[in-house]
Amino acid sequence: MGLRGAVQRALASLRPADTRNSGPTEAGEAMRVLVVDDDQSVLDVAERLLIADGYVPILTGAPHSALQIARSMRPGAILLDVLMPGFDGWDVLAALKSDPQTSAIPVLMICMLGERGRALEAGADGVVPKPLESSNVSAALHAVLPETGRRQRAAGR
């Protein structure tokens, strides 16, 4: 796919998603994944890992904007850091899960493995440990993808 594919994915991520479908589109558009972290280096790593795995990353370092981005862009999943100043990951998770427009979007908390129990009790769908590694991110996303998303991704769409 190369540069052309990367540009097409980036442009597709700028268009608001069809609010009826939070996964890949029927046309085979790659699944969007929202990453919320105040650390730019984590966002950079997440972007590289997600693109390499065939996803379209949507990145924000502003946790207070995560709910609005999730509502408008309808990502297939959200990677959410726990430790952020002010409006932390627990606050963002509570807001996402209490909003009818975003409550069904799978949320994976980026945190220490010791926080897994708290994350699941708070409504997260899983945990991705820091530092982000390709195999951990990929496994966590595959665990929360709807079956149709897995089939489309396996087919290379």
N, C-alpha and C. Protein backbone atom coordinates (compact mmCIF):
# COMPACT_ATOMS: atom_id res chain seq x y z
N MET A 1 0.82 -1.18 0.00
CA MET A 1 0.00 0.00 0.00
C MET A 1 0.87 1.25 0.00
N GLY A 2 1.91 1.28 0.80
CA GLY A 2 2.88 2.35 0.80
C GLY A 2 2.33 3.71 1.17
N LEU A 3 2.95 4.72 0.60
CA LEU A 3 2.59 6.10 0.92
C LEU A 3 1.17 6.42 0.50
N ARG A 4 0.76 5.96 -0.66
CA ARG A 4 -0.59 6.24 -1.14
C ARG A 4 -1.65 5.71 -0.17
N GLY A 5 -1.46 4.49 0.30
CA GLY A 5 -2.39 3.89 1.26
C GLY A 5 -2.42 4.64 2.57
N ALA A 6 -1.24 5.06 3.04
CA ALA A 6 -1.17 5.82 4.29
C ALA A 6 -1.91 7.14 4.16
N VAL A 7 -1.75 7.81 3.01
CA VAL A 7 -2.44 9.08 2.79
C VAL A 7 -3.95 8.86 2.72
N GLN A 8 -4.37 7.80 2.04
CA GLN A 8 -5.80 7.50 1.96
C GLN A 8 -6.38 7.21 3.33
N ARG A 9 -5.66 6.45 4.17
CA ARG A 9 -6.15 6.17 5.52
C ARG A 9 -6.23 7.45 6.35
N ALA A 10 -5.22 8.30 6.20
CA ALA A 10 -5.23 9.56 6.96
C ALA A 10 -6.40 10.44 6.54
N LEU A 11 -6.66 10.53 5.25
CA LEU A 11 -7.78 11.33 4.77
C LEU A 11 -9.11 10.74 5.23
N ALA A 12 -9.22 9.43 5.22
CA ALA A 12 -10.45 8.77 5.67
C ALA A 12 -10.69 9.06 7.15
N SER A 13 -9.63 9.16 7.93
CA SER A 13 -9.81 9.40 9.36
C SER A 13 -10.29 10.81 9.65
N LEU A 14 -10.13 11.72 8.71
CA LEU A 14 -10.57 13.09 8.90
C LEU A 14 -12.07 13.26 8.66
N ARG A 15 -12.66 12.32 7.92
CA ARG A 15 -14.10 12.39 7.67
C ARG A 15 -14.84 11.79 8.86
N PRO A 16 -15.90 12.46 9.31
CA PRO A 16 -16.70 11.86 10.39
C PRO A 16 -17.25 10.51 9.92
N ALA A 17 -17.27 9.58 10.83
CA ALA A 17 -17.76 8.24 10.52
C ALA A 17 -19.28 8.21 10.49
N ASP A 18 -19.79 7.22 9.81
CA ASP A 18 -21.22 6.95 9.84
C ASP A 18 -21.55 6.51 11.26
N THR A 19 -22.42 7.21 11.95
CA THR A 19 -22.69 6.93 13.35
C THR A 19 -23.41 5.60 13.56
N ARG A 20 -23.85 4.95 12.50
CA ARG A 20 -24.50 3.65 12.65
C ARG A 20 -23.49 2.51 12.69
N ASN A 21 -22.22 2.80 12.39
CA ASN A 21 -21.24 1.74 12.27
C ASN A 21 -19.92 2.19 12.87
N SER A 22 -19.49 1.56 13.95
CA SER A 22 -18.23 1.96 14.55
C SER A 22 -17.06 1.09 14.10
N GLY A 23 -17.31 0.09 13.28
CA GLY A 23 -16.23 -0.77 12.79
C GLY A 23 -15.87 -0.42 11.38
N PRO A 24 -15.20 -1.32 10.69
CA PRO A 24 -14.83 -1.08 9.30
C PRO A 24 -16.07 -0.93 8.44
N THR A 25 -15.97 -0.12 7.42
CA THR A 25 -17.11 0.10 6.55
C THR A 25 -17.27 -1.06 5.58
N GLU A 26 -18.41 -1.10 4.93
CA GLU A 26 -18.66 -2.15 3.94
C GLU A 26 -17.69 -2.04 2.78
N ALA A 27 -17.17 -0.84 2.52
CA ALA A 27 -16.22 -0.65 1.44
C ALA A 27 -14.82 -1.13 1.84
N GLY A 28 -14.66 -1.63 3.07
CA GLY A 28 -13.39 -2.16 3.51
C GLY A 28 -12.47 -1.12 4.11
N GLU A 29 -13.00 0.01 4.50
CA GLU A 29 -12.18 1.04 5.14
C GLU A 29 -11.59 0.49 6.43
N ALA A 30 -10.35 0.81 6.68
CA ALA A 30 -9.68 0.32 7.89
C ALA A 30 -10.36 0.88 9.13
N MET A 31 -10.32 0.10 10.19
CA MET A 31 -10.94 0.51 11.45
C MET A 31 -10.15 1.64 12.08
N ARG A 32 -10.89 2.62 12.60
CA ARG A 32 -10.29 3.74 13.31
C ARG A 32 -10.07 3.35 14.76
N VAL A 33 -8.93 3.77 15.31
CA VAL A 33 -8.63 3.55 16.71
C VAL A 33 -8.21 4.90 17.30
N LEU A 34 -8.96 5.35 18.30
CA LEU A 34 -8.65 6.59 18.99
C LEU A 34 -7.64 6.31 20.09
N VAL A 35 -6.56 7.08 20.13
CA VAL A 35 -5.55 6.96 21.18
C VAL A 35 -5.53 8.27 21.95
N VAL A 36 -5.74 8.16 23.27
CA VAL A 36 -5.77 9.33 24.15
C VAL A 36 -4.63 9.21 25.15
N ASP A 37 -3.64 10.08 25.01
CA ASP A 37 -2.48 10.06 25.91
C ASP A 37 -1.85 11.44 25.87
N ASP A 38 -1.45 11.96 27.01
CA ASP A 38 -0.83 13.28 27.06
C ASP A 38 0.65 13.25 26.72
N ASP A 39 1.23 12.08 26.54
CA ASP A 39 2.65 11.92 26.22
C ASP A 39 2.82 11.76 24.71
N GLN A 40 3.44 12.75 24.07
CA GLN A 40 3.59 12.71 22.61
C GLN A 40 4.39 11.50 22.14
N SER A 41 5.37 11.06 22.91
CA SER A 41 6.16 9.90 22.49
C SER A 41 5.29 8.64 22.46
N VAL A 42 4.34 8.51 23.39
CA VAL A 42 3.42 7.36 23.38
C VAL A 42 2.51 7.45 22.16
N LEU A 43 2.03 8.65 21.86
CA LEU A 43 1.18 8.84 20.67
C LEU A 43 1.94 8.46 19.40
N ASP A 44 3.21 8.85 19.32
CA ASP A 44 4.02 8.52 18.14
C ASP A 44 4.19 7.01 17.99
N VAL A 45 4.48 6.33 19.09
CA VAL A 45 4.64 4.87 19.05
C VAL A 45 3.31 4.21 18.67
N ALA A 46 2.22 4.64 19.29
CA ALA A 46 0.90 4.08 19.00
C ALA A 46 0.55 4.26 17.53
N GLU A 47 0.85 5.43 17.00
CA GLU A 47 0.55 5.69 15.59
C GLU A 47 1.29 4.71 14.68
N ARG A 48 2.58 4.53 14.92
CA ARG A 48 3.36 3.60 14.10
C ARG A 48 2.83 2.17 14.22
N LEU A 49 2.54 1.72 15.44
CA LEU A 49 2.06 0.36 15.65
C LEU A 49 0.71 0.14 14.97
N LEU A 50 -0.20 1.11 15.11
CA LEU A 50 -1.54 0.95 14.54
C LEU A 50 -1.51 0.96 13.02
N ILE A 51 -0.73 1.85 12.43
CA ILE A 51 -0.63 1.89 10.97
C ILE A 51 -0.05 0.58 10.46
N ALA A 52 0.99 0.07 11.13
CA ALA A 52 1.61 -1.18 10.71
C ALA A 52 0.63 -2.35 10.80
N ASP A 53 -0.34 -2.26 11.71
CA ASP A 53 -1.31 -3.34 11.88
C ASP A 53 -2.58 -3.12 11.05
N GLY A 54 -2.59 -2.05 10.23
CA GLY A 54 -3.70 -1.84 9.32
C GLY A 54 -4.85 -0.98 9.85
N TYR A 55 -4.64 -0.30 10.97
CA TYR A 55 -5.67 0.56 11.53
C TYR A 55 -5.42 2.02 11.13
N VAL A 56 -6.43 2.85 11.30
CA VAL A 56 -6.30 4.28 11.09
C VAL A 56 -6.28 4.93 12.48
N PRO A 57 -5.12 5.43 12.90
CA PRO A 57 -5.06 6.04 14.22
C PRO A 57 -5.65 7.45 14.23
N ILE A 58 -6.35 7.75 15.30
CA ILE A 58 -6.83 9.10 15.60
C ILE A 58 -6.18 9.43 16.93
N LEU A 59 -5.35 10.45 16.97
CA LEU A 59 -4.53 10.72 18.14
C LEU A 59 -4.93 12.03 18.80
N THR A 60 -4.97 12.02 20.14
CA THR A 60 -5.18 13.27 20.87
C THR A 60 -4.41 13.23 22.18
N GLY A 61 -3.84 14.37 22.51
CA GLY A 61 -3.16 14.54 23.79
C GLY A 61 -4.03 15.28 24.78
N ALA A 62 -5.28 15.54 24.38
CA ALA A 62 -6.21 16.31 25.21
C ALA A 62 -7.34 15.41 25.69
N PRO A 63 -7.24 14.89 26.92
CA PRO A 63 -8.26 13.96 27.40
C PRO A 63 -9.66 14.56 27.45
N HIS A 64 -9.77 15.86 27.68
CA HIS A 64 -11.08 16.49 27.76
C HIS A 64 -11.80 16.51 26.41
N SER A 65 -11.07 16.27 25.31
CA SER A 65 -11.70 16.24 23.99
C SER A 65 -12.04 14.83 23.52
N ALA A 66 -11.67 13.82 24.29
CA ALA A 66 -11.84 12.43 23.86
C ALA A 66 -13.30 12.06 23.62
N LEU A 67 -14.20 12.51 24.47
CA LEU A 67 -15.61 12.16 24.31
C LEU A 67 -16.15 12.73 23.00
N GLN A 68 -15.86 13.99 22.71
CA GLN A 68 -16.35 14.61 21.48
C GLN A 68 -15.74 13.94 20.24
N ILE A 69 -14.46 13.62 20.30
CA ILE A 69 -13.82 12.94 19.18
C ILE A 69 -14.46 11.57 18.97
N ALA A 70 -14.69 10.85 20.05
CA ALA A 70 -15.31 9.52 19.94
C ALA A 70 -16.72 9.63 19.37
N ARG A 71 -17.46 10.64 19.77
CA ARG A 71 -18.82 10.82 19.23
C ARG A 71 -18.79 11.12 17.74
N SER A 72 -17.89 11.97 17.30
CA SER A 72 -17.89 12.39 15.90
C SER A 72 -17.19 11.40 14.98
N MET A 73 -16.10 10.78 15.44
CA MET A 73 -15.31 9.90 14.57
C MET A 73 -15.70 8.43 14.68
N ARG A 74 -16.44 8.04 15.72
CA ARG A 74 -16.92 6.67 15.93
C ARG A 74 -15.82 5.63 15.69
N PRO A 75 -14.75 5.67 16.51
CA PRO A 75 -13.69 4.68 16.33
C PRO A 75 -14.18 3.28 16.69
N GLY A 76 -13.50 2.28 16.16
CA GLY A 76 -13.83 0.90 16.48
C GLY A 76 -13.35 0.51 17.86
N ALA A 77 -12.34 1.23 18.37
CA ALA A 77 -11.79 0.98 19.70
C ALA A 77 -11.06 2.23 20.16
N ILE A 78 -10.84 2.30 21.48
CA ILE A 78 -10.13 3.44 22.08
C ILE A 78 -9.03 2.91 22.98
N LEU A 79 -7.82 3.44 22.80
CA LEU A 79 -6.70 3.19 23.70
C LEU A 79 -6.59 4.42 24.58
N LEU A 80 -6.71 4.24 25.90
CA LEU A 80 -6.84 5.37 26.82
C LEU A 80 -5.82 5.26 27.95
N ASP A 81 -4.95 6.27 28.05
CA ASP A 81 -3.97 6.30 29.12
C ASP A 81 -4.65 6.61 30.44
N VAL A 82 -4.16 6.05 31.51
CA VAL A 82 -4.73 6.29 32.84
C VAL A 82 -4.20 7.59 33.42
N LEU A 83 -2.88 7.76 33.41
CA LEU A 83 -2.26 8.89 34.08
C LEU A 83 -2.15 10.10 33.16
N MET A 84 -3.06 11.04 33.34
CA MET A 84 -3.03 12.30 32.61
C MET A 84 -3.43 13.39 33.60
N PRO A 85 -2.86 14.58 33.45
CA PRO A 85 -3.19 15.65 34.40
C PRO A 85 -4.63 16.13 34.23
N GLY A 86 -5.23 16.51 35.34
CA GLY A 86 -6.60 17.05 35.30
C GLY A 86 -7.62 15.96 35.06
N PHE A 87 -8.12 15.88 33.86
CA PHE A 87 -9.15 14.92 33.44
C PHE A 87 -8.43 13.62 33.09
N ASP A 88 -8.25 12.72 34.08
CA ASP A 88 -7.44 11.53 33.83
C ASP A 88 -8.23 10.45 33.10
N GLY A 89 -7.55 9.33 32.86
CA GLY A 89 -8.17 8.24 32.11
C GLY A 89 -9.41 7.66 32.77
N TRP A 90 -9.44 7.64 34.10
CA TRP A 90 -10.62 7.12 34.80
C TRP A 90 -11.83 8.03 34.54
N ASP A 91 -11.60 9.35 34.52
CA ASP A 91 -12.67 10.30 34.23
C ASP A 91 -13.17 10.14 32.80
N VAL A 92 -12.22 9.99 31.87
CA VAL A 92 -12.59 9.83 30.46
C VAL A 92 -13.37 8.53 30.27
N LEU A 93 -12.90 7.45 30.89
CA LEU A 93 -13.59 6.16 30.78
C LEU A 93 -15.02 6.27 31.30
N ALA A 94 -15.20 6.91 32.45
CA ALA A 94 -16.55 7.07 33.01
C ALA A 94 -17.44 7.88 32.06
N ALA A 95 -16.89 8.92 31.46
CA ALA A 95 -17.67 9.74 30.53
C ALA A 95 -18.04 8.94 29.28
N LEU A 96 -17.09 8.18 28.74
CA LEU A 96 -17.37 7.37 27.55
C LEU A 96 -18.43 6.31 27.82
N LYS A 97 -18.33 5.63 28.95
CA LYS A 97 -19.25 4.54 29.25
C LYS A 97 -20.63 5.03 29.68
N SER A 98 -20.74 6.28 30.12
CA SER A 98 -22.05 6.80 30.51
C SER A 98 -22.78 7.50 29.37
N ASP A 99 -22.12 7.68 28.25
CA ASP A 99 -22.73 8.34 27.09
C ASP A 99 -23.29 7.28 26.14
N PRO A 100 -24.59 7.32 25.84
CA PRO A 100 -25.19 6.31 24.96
C PRO A 100 -24.54 6.23 23.57
N GLN A 101 -23.96 7.33 23.09
CA GLN A 101 -23.33 7.33 21.77
C GLN A 101 -21.96 6.65 21.76
N THR A 102 -21.33 6.52 22.93
CA THR A 102 -19.98 5.96 22.97
C THR A 102 -19.84 4.75 23.88
N SER A 103 -20.88 4.40 24.59
CA SER A 103 -20.77 3.34 25.60
C SER A 103 -20.41 1.97 25.02
N ALA A 104 -20.74 1.72 23.78
CA ALA A 104 -20.46 0.40 23.19
C ALA A 104 -19.07 0.31 22.56
N ILE A 105 -18.35 1.42 22.48
CA ILE A 105 -17.01 1.40 21.89
C ILE A 105 -16.06 0.74 22.89
N PRO A 106 -15.35 -0.31 22.48
CA PRO A 106 -14.41 -0.96 23.39
C PRO A 106 -13.29 0.00 23.80
N VAL A 107 -12.99 0.03 25.09
CA VAL A 107 -11.93 0.89 25.62
C VAL A 107 -10.86 0.01 26.26
N LEU A 108 -9.63 0.22 25.83
CA LEU A 108 -8.47 -0.49 26.39
C LEU A 108 -7.64 0.54 27.14
N MET A 109 -7.45 0.32 28.43
CA MET A 109 -6.69 1.25 29.25
C MET A 109 -5.20 0.98 29.08
N ILE A 110 -4.43 2.04 28.89
CA ILE A 110 -2.98 1.95 28.83
C ILE A 110 -2.49 2.21 30.24
N CYS A 111 -2.04 1.14 30.91
CA CYS A 111 -1.67 1.28 32.31
C CYS A 111 -0.77 0.15 32.74
N MET A 112 -0.38 0.19 34.00
CA MET A 112 0.41 -0.88 34.59
C MET A 112 -0.50 -2.10 34.77
N LEU A 113 0.04 -3.28 34.62
CA LEU A 113 -0.77 -4.50 34.75
C LEU A 113 -1.44 -4.62 36.10
N GLY A 114 -0.86 -4.02 37.14
CA GLY A 114 -1.46 -4.05 38.47
C GLY A 114 -2.79 -3.31 38.53
N GLU A 115 -3.07 -2.47 37.53
CA GLU A 115 -4.33 -1.72 37.50
C GLU A 115 -5.40 -2.42 36.67
N ARG A 116 -5.11 -3.63 36.20
CA ARG A 116 -6.05 -4.36 35.35
C ARG A 116 -7.41 -4.55 36.02
N GLY A 117 -7.40 -5.00 37.25
CA GLY A 117 -8.66 -5.23 37.97
C GLY A 117 -9.49 -3.96 38.09
N ARG A 118 -8.84 -2.88 38.48
CA ARG A 118 -9.56 -1.61 38.60
C ARG A 118 -10.11 -1.16 37.25
N ALA A 119 -9.32 -1.34 36.19
CA ALA A 119 -9.76 -0.94 34.85
C ALA A 119 -11.01 -1.71 34.42
N LEU A 120 -11.00 -3.02 34.64
CA LEU A 120 -12.14 -3.84 34.24
C LEU A 120 -13.37 -3.51 35.09
N GLU A 121 -13.18 -3.28 36.38
CA GLU A 121 -14.30 -2.89 37.25
C GLU A 121 -14.89 -1.55 36.83
N ALA A 122 -14.05 -0.67 36.31
CA ALA A 122 -14.51 0.66 35.90
C ALA A 122 -15.19 0.65 34.54
N GLY A 123 -15.17 -0.50 33.84
CA GLY A 123 -15.86 -0.60 32.56
C GLY A 123 -14.97 -0.75 31.35
N ALA A 124 -13.66 -0.80 31.55
CA ALA A 124 -12.74 -1.00 30.42
C ALA A 124 -12.91 -2.42 29.89
N ASP A 125 -12.58 -2.58 28.63
CA ASP A 125 -12.69 -3.89 27.98
C ASP A 125 -11.39 -4.67 28.02
N GLY A 126 -10.33 -4.01 28.46
CA GLY A 126 -9.03 -4.66 28.56
C GLY A 126 -7.96 -3.66 28.94
N VAL A 127 -6.74 -4.17 29.02
CA VAL A 127 -5.60 -3.36 29.42
C VAL A 127 -4.45 -3.61 28.44
N VAL A 128 -3.74 -2.54 28.10
CA VAL A 128 -2.53 -2.63 27.31
C VAL A 128 -1.41 -2.07 28.17
N PRO A 129 -0.39 -2.90 28.48
CA PRO A 129 0.67 -2.42 29.37
C PRO A 129 1.61 -1.44 28.66
N LYS A 130 2.20 -0.57 29.50
CA LYS A 130 3.26 0.31 29.01
C LYS A 130 4.58 -0.37 29.30
N PRO A 131 5.57 -0.18 28.47
CA PRO A 131 5.56 0.55 27.22
C PRO A 131 4.79 -0.23 26.14
N LEU A 132 4.22 0.52 25.21
CA LEU A 132 3.45 -0.11 24.15
C LEU A 132 4.35 -0.97 23.27
N GLU A 133 3.91 -2.21 23.06
CA GLU A 133 4.62 -3.13 22.17
C GLU A 133 3.62 -3.66 21.16
N SER A 134 4.08 -3.88 19.97
CA SER A 134 3.22 -4.30 18.87
C SER A 134 2.36 -5.51 19.22
N SER A 135 2.97 -6.55 19.77
CA SER A 135 2.22 -7.78 20.05
C SER A 135 1.13 -7.55 21.09
N ASN A 136 1.40 -6.73 22.10
CA ASN A 136 0.40 -6.46 23.14
C ASN A 136 -0.76 -5.63 22.59
N VAL A 137 -0.45 -4.61 21.82
CA VAL A 137 -1.50 -3.76 21.25
C VAL A 137 -2.36 -4.57 20.28
N SER A 138 -1.71 -5.33 19.42
CA SER A 138 -2.43 -6.14 18.44
C SER A 138 -3.33 -7.17 19.12
N ALA A 139 -2.81 -7.88 20.11
CA ALA A 139 -3.60 -8.89 20.80
C ALA A 139 -4.79 -8.27 21.53
N ALA A 140 -4.58 -7.13 22.17
CA ALA A 140 -5.67 -6.47 22.89
C ALA A 140 -6.76 -6.00 21.93
N LEU A 141 -6.37 -5.44 20.80
CA LEU A 141 -7.36 -4.99 19.83
C LEU A 141 -8.12 -6.16 19.21
N HIS A 142 -7.40 -7.21 18.87
CA HIS A 142 -8.07 -8.39 18.29
C HIS A 142 -9.06 -9.01 19.27
N ALA A 143 -8.77 -8.90 20.55
CA ALA A 143 -9.67 -9.46 21.56
C ALA A 143 -11.00 -8.70 21.64
N VAL A 144 -11.02 -7.43 21.26
CA VAL A 144 -12.25 -6.64 21.37
C VAL A 144 -12.91 -6.34 20.03
N LEU A 145 -12.26 -6.75 18.94
CA LEU A 145 -12.84 -6.49 17.61
C LEU A 145 -14.08 -7.34 17.39
N PRO A 146 -15.10 -6.77 16.76
CA PRO A 146 -16.23 -7.61 16.37
C PRO A 146 -15.78 -8.62 15.31
N GLU A 147 -16.45 -9.73 15.24
CA GLU A 147 -16.06 -10.80 14.31
C GLU A 147 -15.96 -10.31 12.87
N THR A 148 -16.87 -9.42 12.44
CA THR A 148 -16.81 -8.92 11.06
C THR A 148 -15.53 -8.13 10.84
N GLY A 149 -15.09 -7.38 11.83
CA GLY A 149 -13.85 -6.62 11.71
C GLY A 149 -12.66 -7.54 11.56
N ARG A 150 -12.65 -8.65 12.30
CA ARG A 150 -11.55 -9.61 12.19
C ARG A 150 -11.50 -10.22 10.80
N ARG A 151 -12.67 -10.60 10.27
CA ARG A 151 -12.69 -11.21 8.94
C ARG A 151 -12.21 -10.23 7.88
N GLN A 152 -12.67 -8.98 7.93
CA GLN A 152 -12.26 -8.01 6.94
C GLN A 152 -10.76 -7.73 7.03
N ARG A 153 -10.23 -7.63 8.26
CA ARG A 153 -8.81 -7.35 8.42
C ARG A 153 -7.98 -8.55 7.95
N ALA A 154 -8.45 -9.76 8.22
CA ALA A 154 -7.73 -10.96 7.80
C ALA A 154 -7.68 -11.05 6.28
N ALA A 155 -8.71 -10.53 5.63
CA ALA A 155 -8.76 -10.56 4.16
C ALA A 155 -7.91 -9.45 3.55
N GLY A 156 -7.30 -8.62 4.39
CA GLY A 156 -6.44 -7.55 3.88
C GLY A 156 -7.17 -6.32 3.44
N ARG A 157 -8.40 -6.14 3.91
CA ARG A 157 -9.16 -4.96 3.54
C ARG A 157 -8.96 -3.84 4.50
